[in-house]
Protein backbone atom coordinates (compact mmCIF):
# COMPACT_ATOMS: atom_id res chain seq x y z
CA MET A 1 52.90 -5.07 21.30
CA LEU A 2 50.76 -3.32 23.07
CA PHE A 3 50.37 0.62 23.51
CA VAL A 4 48.75 2.03 26.23
CA ASP A 5 47.18 5.35 27.12
CA LYS A 6 48.46 4.89 31.01
CA PRO A 7 46.38 6.95 33.70
CA GLN A 8 47.50 9.16 36.25
CA GLY A 9 48.05 7.31 39.42
CA LEU A 10 49.27 4.25 38.35
CA THR A 11 52.77 2.71 38.41
CA SER A 12 54.10 1.54 34.99
CA HIS A 13 54.39 -1.85 36.73
CA ASP A 14 50.82 -1.48 37.86
CA VAL A 15 49.98 -1.56 33.82
CA VAL A 16 52.22 -4.44 33.10
CA ALA A 17 50.71 -6.27 35.81
CA ARG A 18 47.20 -4.96 34.47
CA ALA A 19 48.23 -6.38 30.95
CA ARG A 20 49.24 -9.77 32.29
CA ARG A 21 46.13 -10.49 34.02
CA ALA A 22 44.13 -9.13 30.77
CA LEU A 23 46.65 -11.44 27.77
CA ASP A 24 46.75 -14.37 30.47
CA THR A 25 50.74 -14.24 29.84
CA ARG A 26 53.55 -13.63 32.23
CA LYS A 27 55.97 -12.41 29.85
CA VAL A 28 55.51 -8.54 29.59
CA GLY A 29 57.73 -5.56 30.00
CA HIS A 30 57.77 -2.05 29.54
CA ALA A 31 60.04 0.58 27.08
CA GLY A 32 60.45 3.44 29.55
CA THR A 33 58.84 3.78 32.80
CA LEU A 34 56.41 6.88 33.53
CA ASP A 35 55.95 8.63 36.99
CA PRO A 36 52.54 7.80 39.09
CA MET A 37 51.62 11.38 38.31
CA ALA A 38 52.19 11.39 34.94
CA THR A 39 49.48 9.87 31.82
CA GLY A 40 49.55 8.83 28.34
CA LEU A 41 51.69 6.95 25.75
CA LEU A 42 53.45 3.40 26.99
CA THR A 43 54.78 0.61 24.98
CA LEU A 44 54.55 -2.73 25.73
CA GLY A 45 56.16 -6.14 24.81
CA VAL A 46 53.61 -9.29 24.69
CA GLY A 47 55.12 -12.64 24.72
CA PRO A 48 58.61 -12.89 22.44
CA ALA A 49 57.51 -9.60 21.22
CA THR A 50 59.51 -8.41 24.37
CA ARG A 51 62.80 -8.92 22.63
CA LEU A 52 61.53 -5.31 20.30
CA LEU A 53 61.30 -3.05 23.32
CA THR A 54 65.67 -2.87 23.38
CA TYR A 55 65.00 -1.21 20.02
CA LEU A 56 62.01 0.96 22.26
CA VAL A 57 63.88 2.64 24.47
CA GLY A 58 66.19 4.57 23.17
CA LEU A 59 63.81 6.46 20.48
CA ASP A 60 63.20 10.31 20.98
CA LYS A 61 59.95 11.58 22.96
CA THR A 62 57.37 14.26 23.24
CA TYR A 63 55.77 15.30 25.97
CA GLU A 64 53.44 17.80 27.41
CA THR A 65 53.83 19.93 30.45
CA THR A 66 52.55 22.43 32.76
CA MET A 67 55.47 23.65 35.17
CA ARG A 68 54.69 25.73 38.27
CA LEU A 69 57.27 28.76 38.78
CA GLY A 70 57.70 30.14 41.88
CA VAL A 71 58.99 27.49 44.52
CA ALA A 72 60.46 23.91 44.07
CA THR A 73 59.93 20.88 45.62
CA THR A 74 62.08 17.99 47.36
CA THR A 75 61.08 15.61 43.96
CA ASP A 76 60.94 18.43 41.01
CA ASP A 77 57.25 17.94 41.01
CA ALA A 78 54.00 18.60 42.59
CA GLU A 79 54.51 15.38 44.81
CA GLY A 80 57.11 16.46 47.26
CA GLU A 81 57.67 19.10 49.94
CA PRO A 82 57.66 22.59 48.82
CA ILE A 83 61.25 24.48 49.59
CA GLY A 84 60.71 28.13 49.89
CA ALA A 85 59.00 30.58 48.05
CA ALA A 86 59.41 32.91 45.79
CA ASP A 87 58.60 36.75 46.84
CA PRO A 88 55.86 38.57 44.67
CA ALA A 89 58.83 40.61 43.33
CA ALA A 90 60.86 37.86 41.89
CA LEU A 91 57.62 36.94 40.13
CA GLU A 92 56.93 39.61 38.84
CA ALA A 93 60.44 40.14 37.45
CA VAL A 94 59.63 36.95 35.44
CA THR A 95 58.81 38.67 32.06
CA LEU A 96 57.99 36.91 28.68
CA GLU A 97 61.29 37.59 27.30
CA ARG A 98 63.03 36.27 30.69
CA LEU A 99 60.75 33.38 30.18
CA GLU A 100 62.34 33.03 26.85
CA GLN A 101 65.80 33.46 27.37
CA GLY A 102 65.45 30.90 29.68
CA ILE A 103 63.64 28.05 27.88
CA ARG A 104 66.57 28.85 25.13
CA SER A 105 69.51 28.08 27.41
CA LEU A 106 67.52 24.20 28.08
CA THR A 107 67.10 24.33 24.22
CA GLY A 108 69.53 21.94 22.25
CA GLN A 109 72.26 19.36 23.40
CA ILE A 110 72.73 20.58 27.21
CA GLU A 111 74.05 18.96 30.28
CA GLN A 112 71.35 17.77 32.63
CA VAL A 113 71.09 16.39 36.28
CA PRO A 114 68.32 14.50 37.10
CA SER A 115 66.17 14.45 39.62
CA ALA A 116 67.29 12.92 43.00
CA VAL A 117 64.43 10.65 43.18
CA SER A 118 65.07 9.42 39.63
CA ALA A 119 64.89 5.50 38.56
CA ILE A 120 68.97 5.84 38.36
CA LYS A 121 70.63 3.05 40.24
CA VAL A 122 73.20 4.58 42.74
CA ASP A 123 75.77 1.43 43.25
CA GLY A 124 72.98 -0.92 42.65
CA ARG A 125 70.19 0.36 44.33
CA ARG A 126 67.32 3.05 42.81
CA ALA A 127 68.31 6.55 43.48
CA TYR A 128 64.49 7.12 44.53
CA ASP A 129 64.85 4.79 47.26
CA ARG A 130 68.50 5.95 48.78
CA VAL A 131 66.79 9.34 49.08
CA ARG A 132 63.46 7.87 50.89
CA ALA A 133 65.91 6.33 53.03
CA GLY A 134 67.10 9.84 54.14
CA GLU A 135 70.34 9.78 52.41
CA GLU A 136 72.01 12.26 50.20
CA VAL A 137 71.77 11.72 46.61
CA GLU A 138 74.03 13.48 44.08
CA LEU A 139 73.58 12.16 40.26
CA ALA A 140 76.23 13.12 37.53
CA ALA A 141 74.85 15.58 35.14
CA ARG A 142 74.00 13.96 31.52
CA ARG A 143 74.07 14.99 27.95
CA VAL A 144 70.68 14.89 26.80
CA THR A 145 68.68 16.78 23.79
CA VAL A 146 65.37 19.00 23.63
CA SER A 147 64.92 19.43 20.27
CA ALA A 148 61.92 21.57 20.75
CA PHE A 149 60.76 23.52 23.59
CA GLU A 150 57.64 25.49 22.80
CA VAL A 151 55.46 27.45 25.48
CA LEU A 152 51.55 26.97 24.93
CA ALA A 153 50.28 28.81 27.60
CA VAL A 154 51.46 31.17 30.76
CA ARG A 155 48.94 31.95 33.33
CA ARG A 156 50.19 34.50 36.41
CA GLN A 157 48.63 34.06 39.37
CA ALA A 158 49.76 35.59 42.79
CA ASP A 159 51.78 33.39 44.00
CA GLY A 160 53.22 31.69 40.99
CA ILE A 161 53.27 31.89 37.21
CA GLU A 162 52.39 28.13 34.93
CA VAL A 163 53.62 27.38 32.13
CA ASP A 164 51.85 25.03 29.64
CA ALA A 165 54.78 23.40 27.21
CA ARG A 166 55.55 20.96 24.82
CA ILE A 167 58.48 18.95 24.66
CA ASP A 168 60.46 16.77 21.80
CA CYS A 169 63.89 15.38 24.00
CA SER A 170 65.73 12.84 23.51
CA SER A 171 65.52 9.23 25.85
CA GLY A 172 66.79 10.30 29.46
CA THR A 173 65.55 13.84 29.26
CA TYR A 174 64.12 14.71 32.76
CA ILE A 175 60.87 17.03 32.41
CA ARG A 176 61.01 17.30 36.01
CA ALA A 177 64.70 18.19 35.19
CA LEU A 178 63.87 20.88 32.73
CA ALA A 179 61.14 22.57 35.17
CA ARG A 180 63.52 22.64 38.34
CA ASP A 181 66.41 23.99 36.07
CA LEU A 182 63.86 26.80 34.31
CA GLY A 183 63.00 28.06 38.10
CA ALA A 184 66.21 28.23 39.36
CA ASP A 185 67.44 29.75 36.23
CA LEU A 186 64.38 32.11 37.08
CA GLY A 187 65.56 32.86 40.40
CA VAL A 188 61.92 31.65 41.63
CA GLY A 189 62.43 27.99 41.80
CA GLY A 190 60.22 25.73 39.75
CA HIS A 191 58.24 22.00 39.66
CA LEU A 192 56.29 19.77 37.46
CA THR A 193 52.35 19.68 38.09
CA ALA A 194 51.55 17.85 34.96
CA LEU A 195 52.82 15.29 32.71
CA ARG A 196 51.23 13.82 29.45
CA ARG A 197 53.81 11.54 27.59
CA THR A 198 52.29 11.47 23.52
CA ARG A 199 54.76 9.93 22.14
CA VAL A 200 57.66 7.88 21.86
CA GLY A 201 59.56 7.51 18.12
CA PRO A 202 56.59 7.08 15.55
CA PHE A 203 54.08 5.77 17.87
CA ALA A 204 51.53 8.49 19.44
CA THR A 205 48.81 8.27 22.02
CA SER A 206 46.60 7.90 18.96
CA ARG A 207 46.90 3.98 18.67
CA ALA A 208 46.73 3.88 22.24
CA VAL A 209 44.21 1.85 24.36
CA ALA A 210 42.87 2.51 27.99
CA VAL A 211 44.32 0.18 30.62
CA ASP A 212 40.58 -1.32 30.75
CA ASP A 213 40.22 -2.21 26.97
CA ILE A 214 43.49 -4.10 26.81
CA THR A 215 42.71 -7.35 25.51
CA PRO A 216 44.76 -9.89 22.84
CA GLU A 217 42.27 -7.79 19.88
CA VAL A 218 43.88 -4.71 20.07
CA LEU A 219 47.89 -6.47 20.18
CA VAL A 220 50.06 -4.71 17.40
CA SER A 221 52.00 -7.46 15.26
CA PRO A 222 55.61 -6.93 15.90
CA ALA A 223 56.21 -7.24 11.87
CA GLU A 224 54.05 -3.65 12.34
CA VAL A 225 55.60 -2.04 14.80
CA ALA A 226 59.14 -3.52 13.66
CA ALA A 227 58.37 -1.79 9.74
CA GLN A 228 58.01 1.50 11.70
CA LEU A 229 61.70 1.28 12.85
CA PHE A 230 63.98 -0.42 10.58
CA PRO A 231 63.97 -1.07 6.66
CA VAL A 232 62.00 -4.20 5.88
CA LEU A 233 63.65 -7.22 4.41
CA THR A 234 60.98 -9.51 3.18
CA VAL A 235 62.36 -13.25 3.34
CA SER A 236 61.07 -16.73 1.37
CA GLY A 237 59.61 -19.53 3.51
CA ASP A 238 63.35 -21.46 2.84
CA GLN A 239 65.20 -18.18 4.05
CA ALA A 240 63.33 -18.00 7.38
CA ARG A 241 63.83 -21.41 8.47
CA ASP A 242 67.77 -20.86 8.00
CA LEU A 243 67.00 -17.48 9.77
CA GLY A 244 65.08 -19.52 12.14
CA HIS A 245 67.72 -22.13 12.85
CA GLY A 246 70.95 -19.46 13.34
CA LYS A 247 72.33 -19.86 9.69
CA THR A 248 73.24 -16.87 7.53
CA LEU A 249 71.57 -15.73 4.06
CA ALA A 250 72.98 -14.50 0.95
CA LEU A 251 71.87 -11.58 0.38
CA PRO A 252 73.91 -10.12 -3.00
CA ASP A 253 71.59 -7.58 -4.07
CA ALA A 254 70.77 -5.78 -0.52
CA ALA A 255 72.57 -3.10 1.01
CA ASP A 256 74.36 -3.04 4.29
CA ALA A 257 71.68 -1.98 6.89
CA GLU A 258 71.74 -2.76 10.65
CA PRO A 259 69.38 -3.76 11.92
CA MET A 260 66.83 -5.04 9.34
CA ALA A 261 63.09 -6.46 9.80
CA ALA A 262 62.82 -9.80 8.13
CA VAL A 263 59.47 -10.42 7.11
CA ASP A 264 58.25 -13.47 5.40
CA ALA A 265 55.33 -13.14 3.37
CA ARG A 266 52.66 -14.32 5.45
CA GLY A 267 53.55 -10.63 7.63
CA ARG A 268 55.55 -12.76 10.33
CA LEU A 269 58.63 -10.75 12.20
CA ILE A 270 60.75 -13.47 11.51
CA ALA A 271 64.16 -11.96 12.97
CA LEU A 272 66.03 -8.92 13.73
CA VAL A 273 69.01 -8.84 10.99
CA ALA A 274 72.19 -7.39 10.32
CA VAL A 275 73.30 -7.35 6.11
CA ARG A 276 76.83 -6.85 5.67
CA ALA A 277 78.78 -7.55 2.37
CA GLY A 278 76.01 -9.22 0.99
CA VAL A 279 75.42 -11.47 4.13
CA GLY A 280 72.25 -11.37 6.13
CA ARG A 281 73.29 -12.64 10.23
CA THR A 282 70.25 -12.83 12.74
CA LEU A 283 70.40 -10.48 15.76
CA VAL A 284 67.07 -11.05 17.54
CA GLY A 285 65.04 -13.85 16.28
CA PHE A 286 61.06 -13.98 17.06
CA PRO A 287 58.87 -17.32 17.51
CA GLN A 288 56.74 -17.31 13.95
CA GLU A 289 53.67 -18.11 16.45
CA ALA A 290 54.63 -14.82 18.46
CA ALA A 291 53.59 -12.97 15.24
CA GLU A 292 50.10 -15.12 14.12
């Protein structure tokens, strides 16, 4: 596994391409796209460890962001075209109390309409591709959870209000849409001007490397990653071999759990397993050489 601190201006695919070159392998994938304007934690799987990515995609996340109130844009971020601008009286009416009320309305479980330029597929095509082709795109609202929406700073300017915030949210939450909806609720419009992802589940930017520093030496073993996500089941050499052959294991003392990380005595991730009624079966297997 590989944790990268993505810089602004690169797409997630650009980072994957650089990792492929640096690690001399085609088998690299990522769990959760970051827009080119965004920075921060991008989680990549390398080789058979790409099989873990499915379990990373749905983890909750933390973002640090700057929202600009006073103008909406076609893309809900700074890369779009402005759509009108609030007059000074409307901006003056945005008191700290009203701002806090607007943020409270966007905290907790909410129904959110994703940005029209999101990567969501509509009839087999990405929404942003349809928008760029001049089509009108309307996406259905989806339930997401914003567990924390903390204001870090507010800066008032003649033509807008900048709000720095830290947001903890479920997978699938669009921070651009939060900026859009906060501005709409306050009657002044809003869009995103900066976004940094600082956490994905238990993994933070503190352990990420720069794109130019990707080498085989900075890879994190699949076993270490899996151990932070799931209960660990230590297996013997014979059990590891049986799991590798798709056999079930008799585990009379193991509690029911799904998945569990089956790790051998050498610290290698052998498989993710499901344990039910004292029987363990393989959900996803990992070739042993991938963890060496």
